[in-house]
Amino acid sequence: MNPVTSDPLVHAFEPVAKSTVSAETTATKQLRDYALPACLSQHYVLGQELGNGGFGFVVSAKARSTNEEVAIKFIYKHKVPATSLMMDAHGQCLPMEIYILKHASHDTIVRYIDSFDDSTYYYLVMELHGSQWNLPATAFVSKPTTPNPLHHLPDLSHSSDPSDDDDDSDDHANACKQPAIISRRGSCDLFECIEQHQAFPEPLAKYVFRQIVECVSYLDTWGVCHRDIKDENIVIDANYQVKLIDFGSAVLLPRHFDPNTPNNVVMHRRFYGTIAFASPEILRMEPYQAEPAEVWSLGVLLYTLVFGEVPFNNAHTAMAAQWYPSPKQHVSSKCLHLIHCLLGKNPQDRPSIHRVLSHPWLQC
């Protein structure tokens, strides 16, 4: 999640092995002696760490009133730049991720439940989605015999705000200390799912990829660009239903604020996504347009789904857009054509997300 710099991209494209075993999790280190605000501790019981990064960490929790399992993201306040803060309709200043999830409504976006803050963290409560893919295969239910992808975008609508808590004070007087140890839970993301399968059969790859394209198309219609599309930011359950997470790098386009705004080209100079999914213009450290860069990331993702490996092994081949079908898997010509379109070297040659959605491979 670091901005692109002039440092050599030596190891950026090498696969990184994940581990569910750690001497001490980030959540344990940060929360061992930390008194959580009453508005959180009175309503949720923390469970296991789900993930961590430079801007915070995520922990599972159970709602005391319903026993529903949720995910709570702890966002370090001092790490949120001023440019990533948004004012909502109630005059509340929110990080971009909370602002977007609070107003987004789509089956393929993780559902917002609640949010609050104290002097150290923003707390984002979300639905917990996905299956632990590093468990034995017998733990999963079988996938649908005939994949049934989404056929249309739901109407754009804003989810209603949850009812206010009885006590939303930042007062720590009634806050509870957390357990001394917060263990790490196995990952539920698409990265681990691909590892489990090695490569997806093409019909399953199409089923999963279409859901992701539906999601990106919805966001584009709403004037939002995620800017960090990758397998680790997509959670997936045993029925291969996916949801996009981690909107910390997202950007709002001008049409988000005014749908009548002309579709002006907005260039960005800083990149907070993942280098292995970065487009050639980003790797060359040039100003870039968010939408074509997003389409490139989808190309990397689709290649990874059908071949079980990334298309580029270093930054030089990525900048040259030099990729080849893996001989280990047979893939249809329509699928290869879509990958070729998505991984166009020049941003102006890549299709819009709405053209991607209408590509023959996704329609057949």
Protein backbone atom coordinates (compact mmCIF):
# COMPACT_ATOMS: atom_id res chain seq x y z
CA MET A 1 0.00 0.00 0.00
CA ASN A 2 2.98 2.33 -0.50
CA PRO A 3 3.12 4.98 -3.21
CA VAL A 4 5.23 4.23 -6.27
CA THR A 5 8.77 5.51 -5.85
CA SER A 6 11.94 5.36 -7.92
CA ASP A 7 13.23 2.34 -5.99
CA PRO A 8 13.96 -0.75 -8.15
CA LEU A 9 11.02 -3.13 -8.35
CA VAL A 10 13.20 -6.15 -7.72
CA HIS A 11 10.92 -8.40 -5.69
CA ALA A 12 7.53 -6.85 -6.38
CA PHE A 13 6.42 -9.60 -8.74
CA GLU A 14 7.62 -12.57 -6.70
CA PRO A 15 4.86 -14.61 -5.03
CA VAL A 16 4.67 -14.14 -1.28
CA ALA A 17 3.84 -17.16 0.83
CA LYS A 18 1.11 -16.58 3.37
CA SER A 19 1.24 -18.00 6.85
CA THR A 20 -1.56 -18.37 9.35
CA VAL A 21 0.91 -18.96 12.18
CA SER A 22 2.65 -16.02 13.80
CA ALA A 23 4.44 -15.58 17.10
CA GLU A 24 2.30 -12.55 17.80
CA THR A 25 -0.42 -10.99 15.68
CA THR A 26 -0.69 -7.28 14.99
CA ALA A 27 -4.02 -7.22 16.84
CA THR A 28 -2.37 -8.73 19.92
CA LYS A 29 0.40 -6.13 19.88
CA GLN A 30 -1.94 -3.19 19.37
CA LEU A 31 -4.77 -4.19 21.70
CA ARG A 32 -3.04 -5.96 24.59
CA ASP A 33 -3.14 -2.91 26.84
CA TYR A 34 -5.64 -0.85 24.88
CA ALA A 35 -9.03 0.03 26.35
CA LEU A 36 -11.59 -0.11 23.56
CA PRO A 37 -14.40 2.46 23.54
CA ALA A 38 -17.60 1.37 25.24
CA CYS A 39 -19.56 1.69 22.00
CA LEU A 40 -17.50 -1.23 20.68
CA SER A 41 -16.84 -3.39 23.72
CA GLN A 42 -20.46 -3.25 24.90
CA HIS A 43 -21.75 -4.54 21.56
CA TYR A 44 -19.01 -6.84 20.22
CA VAL A 45 -16.70 -9.58 21.49
CA LEU A 46 -13.45 -9.74 19.53
CA GLY A 47 -12.31 -13.02 18.00
CA GLN A 48 -9.37 -13.69 15.68
CA GLU A 49 -7.21 -11.52 13.46
CA LEU A 50 -8.26 -11.74 9.81
CA GLY A 51 -5.54 -9.61 8.27
CA ASN A 52 -3.27 -6.60 8.70
CA GLY A 53 -1.53 -3.94 6.65
CA GLY A 54 0.12 -0.58 6.80
CA PHE A 55 -3.10 1.29 7.56
CA GLY A 56 -4.62 -1.04 10.15
CA PHE A 57 -5.78 -4.56 10.90
CA VAL A 58 -9.01 -6.57 10.79
CA VAL A 59 -10.44 -8.75 13.57
CA SER A 60 -13.47 -11.02 13.62
CA ALA A 61 -16.06 -10.36 16.31
CA LYS A 62 -19.48 -11.48 17.48
CA ALA A 63 -22.38 -9.14 18.15
CA ARG A 64 -23.49 -9.60 21.75
CA SER A 65 -27.18 -9.08 20.92
CA THR A 66 -27.50 -11.36 17.87
CA ASN A 67 -24.39 -13.58 17.99
CA GLU A 68 -23.77 -12.58 14.35
CA GLU A 69 -20.12 -12.87 13.35
CA VAL A 70 -18.74 -9.69 11.79
CA ALA A 71 -15.41 -8.20 10.75
CA ILE A 72 -14.08 -5.06 12.44
CA LYS A 73 -11.37 -3.05 10.73
CA PHE A 74 -9.15 -0.94 12.98
CA ILE A 75 -7.88 1.98 10.87
CA TYR A 76 -4.95 3.95 12.30
CA LYS A 77 -6.10 7.56 12.44
CA HIS A 78 -2.61 9.00 12.06
CA LYS A 79 -2.12 7.04 8.82
CA VAL A 80 -5.19 8.46 7.04
CA PRO A 81 -4.13 11.40 4.83
CA ALA A 82 -6.31 14.49 4.78
CA THR A 83 -7.06 13.86 1.10
CA SER A 84 -8.73 10.57 2.07
CA LEU A 85 -11.20 12.13 4.50
CA MET A 86 -14.77 12.79 3.37
CA MET A 87 -17.62 14.76 4.91
CA ASP A 88 -20.91 12.88 4.95
CA ALA A 89 -24.42 14.33 4.86
CA HIS A 90 -24.44 14.64 8.66
CA GLY A 91 -21.23 16.66 8.78
CA GLN A 92 -19.17 13.73 10.05
CA CYS A 93 -15.60 13.39 8.79
CA LEU A 94 -14.98 9.83 7.59
CA PRO A 95 -12.11 7.96 5.92
CA MET A 96 -12.77 7.22 2.25
CA GLU A 97 -13.27 3.50 2.91
CA ILE A 98 -16.02 4.07 5.48
CA TYR A 99 -17.66 6.74 3.33
CA ILE A 100 -17.84 4.42 0.32
CA LEU A 101 -19.04 1.32 2.15
CA LYS A 102 -21.62 3.34 4.06
CA HIS A 103 -23.26 4.42 0.81
CA ALA A 104 -22.58 1.51 -1.55
CA SER A 105 -25.19 -1.19 -2.10
CA HIS A 106 -24.27 -4.20 -4.20
CA ASP A 107 -24.21 -7.95 -3.68
CA THR A 108 -20.50 -8.09 -4.52
CA ILE A 109 -19.38 -5.41 -2.05
CA VAL A 110 -18.91 -6.27 1.60
CA ARG A 111 -21.86 -4.86 3.57
CA TYR A 112 -21.41 -1.93 5.93
CA ILE A 113 -22.84 -2.45 9.43
CA ASP A 114 -21.55 0.31 11.70
CA SER A 115 -18.65 2.67 12.35
CA PHE A 116 -17.28 4.83 15.13
CA ASP A 117 -13.96 6.23 16.29
CA ASP A 118 -11.82 7.27 19.22
CA SER A 119 -8.55 9.16 19.48
CA THR A 120 -6.51 6.33 17.94
CA TYR A 121 -8.70 4.36 15.52
CA TYR A 122 -11.56 4.53 13.12
CA TYR A 123 -13.61 1.35 13.62
CA LEU A 124 -15.40 -0.10 10.58
CA VAL A 125 -17.84 -2.95 11.28
CA MET A 126 -18.64 -5.05 8.19
CA GLU A 127 -20.22 -8.35 7.32
CA LEU A 128 -17.84 -11.30 7.53
CA HIS A 129 -17.89 -13.17 4.23
CA GLY A 130 -15.94 -16.12 2.88
CA SER A 131 -14.67 -19.61 3.62
CA GLN A 132 -11.26 -20.54 4.99
CA TRP A 133 -9.59 -21.93 1.88
CA ASN A 134 -6.53 -23.33 3.61
CA LEU A 135 -8.71 -25.90 5.42
CA PRO A 136 -9.06 -29.47 4.08
CA ALA A 137 -11.19 -29.64 0.93
CA THR A 138 -13.80 -31.78 2.70
CA ALA A 139 -14.82 -28.72 4.70
CA PHE A 140 -16.40 -27.08 1.66
CA VAL A 141 -19.73 -27.58 -0.01
CA SER A 142 -19.65 -28.28 -3.72
CA LYS A 143 -19.93 -25.43 -6.20
CA PRO A 144 -23.15 -25.01 -8.20
CA THR A 145 -23.33 -27.50 -11.07
CA THR A 146 -24.20 -24.73 -13.51
CA PRO A 147 -22.71 -21.35 -12.59
CA ASN A 148 -25.39 -18.67 -12.56
CA PRO A 149 -23.66 -15.27 -12.82
CA LEU A 150 -25.39 -11.98 -12.18
CA HIS A 151 -27.17 -10.78 -15.32
CA HIS A 152 -27.74 -7.13 -14.47
CA LEU A 153 -26.62 -4.41 -12.14
CA PRO A 154 -28.91 -3.72 -9.20
CA ASP A 155 -30.36 -0.22 -9.04
CA LEU A 156 -28.01 2.27 -7.46
CA SER A 157 -29.26 2.90 -3.95
CA HIS A 158 -27.84 3.97 -0.64
CA SER A 159 -28.10 1.68 2.32
CA SER A 160 -29.82 3.15 5.33
CA ASP A 161 -27.76 4.04 8.36
CA PRO A 162 -27.94 1.65 11.28
CA SER A 163 -29.78 2.91 14.31
CA ASP A 164 -27.72 4.89 16.77
CA ASP A 165 -26.24 3.09 19.72
CA ASP A 166 -27.55 3.92 23.16
CA ASP A 167 -24.07 5.11 24.10
CA ASP A 168 -21.73 6.28 21.34
CA SER A 169 -19.44 8.22 23.64
CA ASP A 170 -15.67 7.95 23.30
CA ASP A 171 -15.51 7.60 27.07
CA HIS A 172 -13.32 4.64 27.95
CA ALA A 173 -14.59 4.34 31.50
CA ASN A 174 -16.68 1.26 30.77
CA ALA A 175 -14.40 -0.19 28.10
CA CYS A 176 -13.14 -3.76 28.42
CA LYS A 177 -9.57 -4.93 28.05
CA GLN A 178 -9.07 -7.48 25.28
CA PRO A 179 -7.71 -11.01 25.63
CA ALA A 180 -3.93 -11.20 25.94
CA ILE A 181 -3.70 -13.26 22.73
CA ILE A 182 -5.65 -12.72 19.50
CA SER A 183 -4.83 -15.60 17.16
CA ARG A 184 -4.76 -15.51 13.36
CA ARG A 185 -7.61 -17.06 11.36
CA GLY A 186 -7.09 -18.74 8.01
CA SER A 187 -7.65 -16.52 4.99
CA CYS A 188 -10.96 -16.37 3.11
CA ASP A 189 -9.65 -14.49 0.09
CA LEU A 190 -9.44 -15.35 -3.58
CA PHE A 191 -5.65 -15.70 -3.35
CA GLU A 192 -6.02 -18.73 -1.08
CA CYS A 193 -8.91 -20.06 -3.16
CA ILE A 194 -6.72 -20.02 -6.28
CA GLU A 195 -3.93 -21.70 -4.33
CA GLN A 196 -6.38 -24.43 -3.31
CA HIS A 197 -7.45 -25.01 -6.94
CA GLN A 198 -4.08 -24.26 -8.60
CA ALA A 199 -6.14 -22.94 -11.53
CA PHE A 200 -9.88 -22.53 -12.06
CA PRO A 201 -11.74 -24.48 -14.73
CA GLU A 202 -12.80 -21.91 -17.32
CA PRO A 203 -16.56 -22.01 -16.50
CA LEU A 204 -15.78 -21.37 -12.83
CA ALA A 205 -13.28 -18.63 -13.70
CA LYS A 206 -16.00 -16.97 -15.78
CA TYR A 207 -18.52 -17.25 -12.93
CA VAL A 208 -16.13 -15.62 -10.45
CA PHE A 209 -14.74 -13.01 -12.83
CA ARG A 210 -18.14 -11.85 -14.02
CA GLN A 211 -19.13 -11.07 -10.43
CA ILE A 212 -16.01 -8.93 -10.05
CA VAL A 213 -16.67 -7.10 -13.32
CA GLU A 214 -20.27 -6.47 -12.22
CA CYS A 215 -18.88 -4.92 -9.04
CA VAL A 216 -16.36 -2.67 -10.80
CA SER A 217 -19.03 -1.63 -13.31
CA TYR A 218 -21.37 -0.65 -10.47
CA LEU A 219 -18.64 1.38 -8.81
CA ASP A 220 -17.76 3.09 -12.10
CA THR A 221 -21.41 4.05 -12.63
CA TRP A 222 -21.36 5.57 -9.15
CA GLY A 223 -18.10 7.43 -9.87
CA VAL A 224 -15.82 5.32 -7.67
CA CYS A 225 -12.57 3.58 -8.62
CA HIS A 226 -11.20 0.97 -6.20
CA ARG A 227 -7.55 1.23 -7.39
CA ASP A 228 -6.39 -1.95 -5.64
CA ILE A 229 -8.17 -4.80 -7.42
CA LYS A 230 -6.34 -8.05 -6.62
CA ASP A 231 -7.06 -11.55 -5.40
CA GLU A 232 -6.22 -10.67 -1.79
CA ASN A 233 -8.88 -7.93 -1.75
CA ILE A 234 -11.68 -10.28 -2.78
CA VAL A 235 -13.25 -12.64 -0.26
CA ILE A 236 -14.99 -15.75 -1.57
CA ASP A 237 -17.17 -18.39 0.04
CA ALA A 238 -17.57 -22.12 -0.62
CA ASN A 239 -20.26 -21.40 -3.24
CA TYR A 240 -17.85 -19.08 -5.07
CA GLN A 241 -19.79 -15.92 -4.25
CA VAL A 242 -17.34 -13.02 -4.07
CA LYS A 243 -17.27 -9.65 -2.34
CA LEU A 244 -14.80 -6.81 -2.81
CA ILE A 245 -13.09 -5.45 0.32
CA ASP A 246 -10.45 -2.87 1.29
CA PHE A 247 -11.45 0.46 -0.24
CA GLY A 248 -8.59 2.31 1.45
CA SER A 249 -6.99 3.20 -1.90
CA ALA A 250 -10.25 4.16 -3.63
CA VAL A 251 -10.77 7.49 -5.35
CA LEU A 252 -13.94 9.42 -6.14
CA LEU A 253 -14.29 10.63 -9.71
CA PRO A 254 -15.94 14.00 -10.54
CA ARG A 255 -19.18 12.32 -11.66
CA HIS A 256 -19.59 10.88 -8.16
CA PHE A 257 -20.47 14.37 -6.92
CA ASP A 258 -22.46 15.41 -9.99
CA PRO A 259 -23.75 12.78 -12.45
CA ASN A 260 -24.12 15.55 -15.05
CA THR A 261 -20.43 16.39 -14.93
CA PRO A 262 -18.70 15.73 -18.27
CA ASN A 263 -16.53 12.65 -18.15
CA ASN A 264 -13.33 14.67 -17.88
CA VAL A 265 -10.01 12.88 -17.75
CA VAL A 266 -8.53 13.05 -14.24
CA MET A 267 -4.87 12.14 -13.91
CA HIS A 268 -3.35 10.77 -10.70
CA ARG A 269 0.28 10.97 -9.64
CA ARG A 270 0.34 8.78 -6.54
CA PHE A 271 -0.39 5.06 -6.45
CA TYR A 272 -1.29 3.17 -3.29
CA GLY A 273 -2.23 -0.16 -4.85
CA THR A 274 -0.23 -3.35 -5.36
CA ILE A 275 2.76 -3.30 -7.72
CA ALA A 276 2.15 -6.76 -9.22
CA PHE A 277 -1.28 -5.52 -10.43
CA ALA A 278 -0.04 -2.08 -11.53
CA SER A 279 -0.38 -0.99 -15.16
CA PRO A 280 2.61 -0.07 -17.38
CA GLU A 281 2.01 3.67 -17.06
CA ILE A 282 2.05 3.37 -13.26
CA LEU A 283 5.24 1.29 -13.33
CA ARG A 284 6.81 3.98 -15.53
CA MET A 285 5.83 6.46 -12.80
CA GLU A 286 3.75 8.52 -15.22
CA PRO A 287 0.51 10.32 -14.35
CA TYR A 288 -2.25 7.81 -14.87
CA GLN A 289 -6.01 7.62 -15.31
CA ALA A 290 -7.71 5.45 -12.69
CA GLU A 291 -10.24 3.66 -14.92
CA PRO A 292 -7.84 2.15 -17.51
CA ALA A 293 -5.46 1.18 -14.71
CA GLU A 294 -8.35 -0.63 -13.02
CA VAL A 295 -9.07 -2.54 -16.23
CA TRP A 296 -5.42 -3.63 -16.39
CA SER A 297 -5.69 -5.01 -12.85
CA LEU A 298 -8.70 -7.03 -13.97
CA GLY A 299 -6.57 -8.48 -16.76
CA VAL A 300 -3.91 -9.61 -14.28
CA LEU A 301 -6.65 -11.11 -12.13
CA LEU A 302 -8.34 -12.99 -14.99
CA TYR A 303 -5.01 -14.43 -16.16
CA THR A 304 -4.32 -15.58 -12.60
CA LEU A 305 -7.74 -17.22 -12.34
CA VAL A 306 -7.42 -19.32 -15.49
CA PHE A 307 -3.70 -20.10 -15.38
CA GLY A 308 -3.04 -20.19 -11.62
CA GLU A 309 -0.08 -17.82 -11.89
CA VAL A 310 0.56 -14.13 -12.57
CA PRO A 311 1.16 -13.06 -16.20
CA PHE A 312 4.38 -11.12 -15.52
CA ASN A 313 7.43 -12.16 -13.54
CA ASN A 314 9.03 -8.71 -13.42
CA ALA A 315 8.28 -5.05 -14.00
CA HIS A 316 10.00 -4.96 -17.39
CA THR A 317 7.71 -7.57 -18.97
CA ALA A 318 4.70 -5.86 -17.37
CA MET A 319 5.68 -2.47 -18.80
CA ALA A 320 6.06 -4.08 -22.21
CA ALA A 321 2.77 -5.99 -21.75
CA GLN A 322 4.58 -9.19 -22.75
CA TRP A 323 2.53 -12.15 -21.60
CA TYR A 324 1.97 -15.63 -22.95
CA PRO A 325 -0.68 -18.28 -22.25
CA SER A 326 0.59 -20.91 -19.87
CA PRO A 327 0.91 -24.31 -21.59
CA LYS A 328 -0.37 -25.98 -18.43
CA GLN A 329 -3.99 -24.95 -19.06
CA HIS A 330 -6.22 -24.98 -22.14
CA VAL A 331 -8.17 -21.73 -22.42
CA SER A 332 -10.71 -20.77 -25.08
CA SER A 333 -9.92 -18.18 -27.75
CA LYS A 334 -12.66 -15.87 -26.42
CA CYS A 335 -11.10 -15.88 -22.96
CA LEU A 336 -7.63 -15.20 -24.39
CA HIS A 337 -9.06 -12.34 -26.46
CA LEU A 338 -10.51 -10.73 -23.34
CA ILE A 339 -7.20 -11.06 -21.50
CA HIS A 340 -5.45 -9.49 -24.50
CA CYS A 341 -7.90 -6.54 -24.42
CA LEU A 342 -7.56 -6.01 -20.68
CA LEU A 343 -3.76 -6.12 -20.78
CA GLY A 344 -3.38 -3.53 -23.51
CA LYS A 345 -0.03 -1.78 -23.20
CA ASN A 346 -1.51 1.67 -23.80
CA PRO A 347 -4.34 2.83 -21.51
CA GLN A 348 -6.34 4.24 -24.42
CA ASP A 349 -6.41 0.78 -26.03
CA ARG A 350 -8.06 -0.90 -23.04
CA PRO A 351 -11.85 -1.24 -23.05
CA SER A 352 -14.10 0.57 -20.61
CA ILE A 353 -15.48 -1.57 -17.81
CA HIS A 354 -18.90 -1.53 -19.47
CA ARG A 355 -17.39 -2.90 -22.69
CA VAL A 356 -15.69 -5.58 -20.63
CA LEU A 357 -19.06 -6.56 -19.21
CA SER A 358 -20.46 -7.03 -22.72
CA HIS A 359 -17.50 -9.06 -24.02
CA PRO A 360 -18.58 -12.29 -25.80
CA TRP A 361 -16.72 -14.49 -23.30
CA LEU A 362 -18.81 -13.13 -20.44
CA GLN A 363 -22.02 -13.36 -22.45
CA CYS A 364 -21.74 -16.97 -23.62
